[in-house]
Amino acid sequence: MKTCTKCHKELPATNEYFHADKYRKDGFVCRCKVCHNRYGKEYRTKHAKQIREYRTKHAERIRESRRKHTDTARIYRLKHNYNISLNDYDYMSIRQNNVCAICKGTNKNGKRLCVDHDHTTGKVRGLLCSRCNAGIGNFRENATVLCSANEYLEKHKCR
């Protein structure tokens, strides 16, 4: 059990009631989540003008930091999830003319193509748009089911 220093309620010392803090002995912040979140909201409301001024003054630095973080996270995900580098991804994208390997289209929202891989072997097959990637996933990567779906569409094609 842990007592919140703000509301003084005694609550179980779990992630359900307290935010994690690896620097504290028990691993949790001293305020419960309700008090912690309320304090943050009050602070942002009270200091809205200063926050807005800071963001305006440092907008470019903030954007650059977000961009750097996004790029670093992307590089990590490519390596961790698919065991490929950013250069490998770029090479595949160029080889596919920056279009989906199935429909030859791009993502409608302007996002990058998805890395398609075999969930059994982990082998990367190519880059797909979000729709084709979801389609393969919905057919459970089963070629027989996909062929059956194709036969079904052909059978019921409007003439």
Protein backbone atom coordinates (compact mmCIF):
# COMPACT_ATOMS: atom_id res chain seq x y z
CA MET A 1 0.00 0.00 0.00
CA LYS A 2 1.09 3.58 -0.67
CA THR A 3 -0.32 6.89 0.58
CA CYS A 4 -0.81 9.74 -1.90
CA THR A 5 0.94 12.89 -0.61
CA LYS A 6 -1.80 15.12 -2.05
CA CYS A 7 -5.17 13.48 -1.21
CA HIS A 8 -3.74 11.22 1.58
CA LYS A 9 -5.66 8.19 0.36
CA GLU A 10 -4.03 4.82 0.95
CA LEU A 11 -4.02 2.91 -2.34
CA PRO A 12 -2.34 -0.25 -3.65
CA ALA A 13 1.16 0.51 -4.98
CA THR A 14 0.45 -0.60 -8.56
CA ASN A 15 0.47 0.94 -12.06
CA GLU A 16 -3.30 1.17 -11.80
CA TYR A 17 -3.09 3.84 -9.09
CA PHE A 18 0.38 5.41 -9.41
CA HIS A 19 2.60 6.44 -12.35
CA ALA A 20 5.93 4.62 -12.52
CA ASP A 21 9.14 6.34 -11.40
CA LYS A 22 12.28 4.25 -11.71
CA TYR A 23 14.25 6.63 -9.47
CA ARG A 24 12.08 6.08 -6.41
CA LYS A 25 12.68 3.21 -4.05
CA ASP A 26 9.17 1.75 -4.47
CA GLY A 27 9.08 2.51 -8.22
CA PHE A 28 6.13 4.95 -8.15
CA VAL A 29 5.58 8.71 -7.93
CA CYS A 30 4.34 10.11 -4.63
CA ARG A 31 0.93 11.33 -5.94
CA CYS A 32 -1.83 9.02 -7.14
CA LYS A 33 -2.74 9.18 -10.83
CA VAL A 34 -5.89 11.21 -10.18
CA CYS A 35 -4.00 13.91 -8.23
CA HIS A 36 -1.00 13.80 -10.58
CA ASN A 37 -3.20 14.29 -13.67
CA ARG A 38 -5.29 17.00 -11.97
CA TYR A 39 -2.12 18.90 -11.04
CA GLY A 40 -0.83 18.69 -14.62
CA LYS A 41 -4.11 19.99 -16.04
CA GLU A 42 -4.21 22.87 -13.52
CA TYR A 43 -0.59 23.76 -14.28
CA ARG A 44 -1.19 23.82 -18.06
CA THR A 45 -4.30 25.97 -17.60
CA LYS A 46 -2.57 28.39 -15.22
CA HIS A 47 0.57 28.71 -17.37
CA ALA A 48 -1.05 28.49 -20.83
CA LYS A 49 0.35 31.86 -21.93
CA GLN A 50 3.95 31.02 -20.94
CA ILE A 51 3.68 27.58 -22.56
CA ARG A 52 2.36 29.10 -25.78
CA GLU A 53 5.15 31.75 -25.79
CA TYR A 54 7.82 29.10 -25.19
CA ARG A 55 6.49 26.90 -27.99
CA THR A 56 6.38 29.86 -30.38
CA LYS A 57 9.90 31.00 -29.45
CA HIS A 58 11.39 27.51 -29.72
CA ALA A 59 9.14 26.07 -32.45
CA GLU A 60 11.96 25.13 -34.83
CA ARG A 61 14.02 23.45 -32.09
CA ILE A 62 10.95 21.53 -30.90
CA ARG A 63 10.15 20.41 -34.47
CA GLU A 64 13.74 19.31 -35.02
CA SER A 65 13.73 17.36 -31.75
CA ARG A 66 10.48 15.59 -32.69
CA ARG A 67 11.85 14.82 -36.16
CA LYS A 68 15.05 13.39 -34.68
CA HIS A 69 13.09 11.30 -32.17
CA THR A 70 10.78 10.01 -34.92
CA ASP A 71 13.74 9.05 -37.15
CA THR A 72 15.54 7.33 -34.27
CA ALA A 73 12.38 5.40 -33.34
CA ARG A 74 11.86 4.39 -36.98
CA ILE A 75 15.42 3.09 -37.30
CA TYR A 76 14.98 1.12 -34.06
CA ARG A 77 11.63 -0.39 -35.19
CA LEU A 78 13.01 -1.44 -38.58
CA LYS A 79 15.97 -3.19 -36.92
CA HIS A 80 14.01 -4.65 -34.00
CA ASN A 81 10.89 -5.81 -35.88
CA TYR A 82 12.31 -6.78 -39.29
CA ASN A 83 16.11 -6.92 -38.85
CA ILE A 84 16.66 -4.41 -41.68
CA SER A 85 18.40 -1.05 -41.75
CA LEU A 86 17.03 2.24 -43.02
CA ASN A 87 19.26 1.75 -46.10
CA ASP A 88 17.66 -1.65 -46.71
CA TYR A 89 14.20 -0.06 -46.53
CA ASP A 90 15.22 2.75 -48.88
CA TYR A 91 16.74 0.24 -51.32
CA MET A 92 13.50 -1.81 -51.37
CA SER A 93 11.47 1.34 -51.85
CA ILE A 94 13.59 2.45 -54.82
CA ARG A 95 13.49 -1.07 -56.31
CA GLN A 96 9.67 -0.93 -56.13
CA ASN A 97 9.55 2.64 -57.56
CA ASN A 98 8.14 3.84 -54.22
CA VAL A 99 4.84 2.02 -54.80
CA CYS A 100 3.07 -0.96 -53.25
CA ALA A 101 4.31 -4.34 -54.47
CA ILE A 102 0.71 -5.55 -54.94
CA CYS A 103 -1.50 -2.70 -56.19
CA LYS A 104 1.27 -0.38 -57.43
CA GLY A 105 -0.33 2.47 -55.47
CA THR A 106 0.78 4.62 -52.55
CA ASN A 107 -0.76 5.26 -49.16
CA LYS A 108 -3.59 7.78 -49.45
CA ASN A 109 -2.49 9.56 -46.28
CA GLY A 110 1.05 10.14 -47.56
CA LYS A 111 2.62 7.76 -45.03
CA ARG A 112 5.50 5.46 -45.86
CA LEU A 113 4.89 1.98 -47.21
CA CYS A 114 4.56 -0.84 -44.67
CA VAL A 115 7.21 -3.56 -44.37
CA ASP A 116 5.53 -6.87 -45.26
CA HIS A 117 7.05 -9.98 -43.70
CA ASP A 118 6.26 -13.63 -43.18
CA HIS A 119 5.13 -14.02 -39.57
CA THR A 120 6.36 -17.61 -39.47
CA THR A 121 9.91 -17.13 -40.78
CA GLY A 122 10.31 -13.40 -40.18
CA LYS A 123 11.58 -12.96 -43.76
CA VAL A 124 10.82 -9.56 -45.30
CA ARG A 125 8.89 -9.89 -48.56
CA GLY A 126 8.53 -6.30 -49.70
CA LEU A 127 6.77 -3.00 -49.08
CA LEU A 128 2.99 -2.63 -49.20
CA CYS A 129 0.46 0.16 -48.85
CA SER A 130 -1.65 0.08 -45.68
CA ARG A 131 -4.67 -1.39 -47.44
CA CYS A 132 -2.83 -4.31 -49.06
CA ASN A 133 -0.91 -4.98 -45.84
CA ALA A 134 -4.17 -5.12 -43.86
CA GLY A 135 -5.77 -7.28 -46.58
CA ILE A 136 -3.04 -9.91 -46.36
CA GLY A 137 -3.34 -9.83 -42.57
CA ASN A 138 -7.10 -10.26 -42.73
CA PHE A 139 -6.64 -13.33 -44.95
CA ARG A 140 -4.23 -14.68 -42.30
CA GLU A 141 -1.40 -14.81 -44.88
CA ASN A 142 -3.07 -17.93 -46.27
CA ALA A 143 -2.68 -18.24 -50.05
CA THR A 144 -5.51 -20.81 -50.28
CA VAL A 145 -7.99 -18.47 -48.61
CA LEU A 146 -6.78 -15.61 -50.81
CA CYS A 147 -7.25 -17.72 -53.97
CA SER A 148 -10.74 -18.69 -52.78
CA ALA A 149 -11.54 -15.01 -52.32
CA ASN A 150 -10.31 -14.31 -55.85
CA GLU A 151 -12.46 -17.14 -57.25
CA TYR A 152 -15.44 -15.80 -55.34
CA LEU A 153 -14.94 -12.30 -56.78
CA GLU A 154 -14.56 -13.67 -60.30
CA LYS A 155 -17.70 -15.80 -59.93
CA HIS A 156 -19.78 -12.85 -58.72
CA LYS A 157 -18.30 -10.23 -61.01
CA CYS A 158 -20.82 -7.78 -62.43
CA ARG A 159 -20.94 -8.22 -66.19
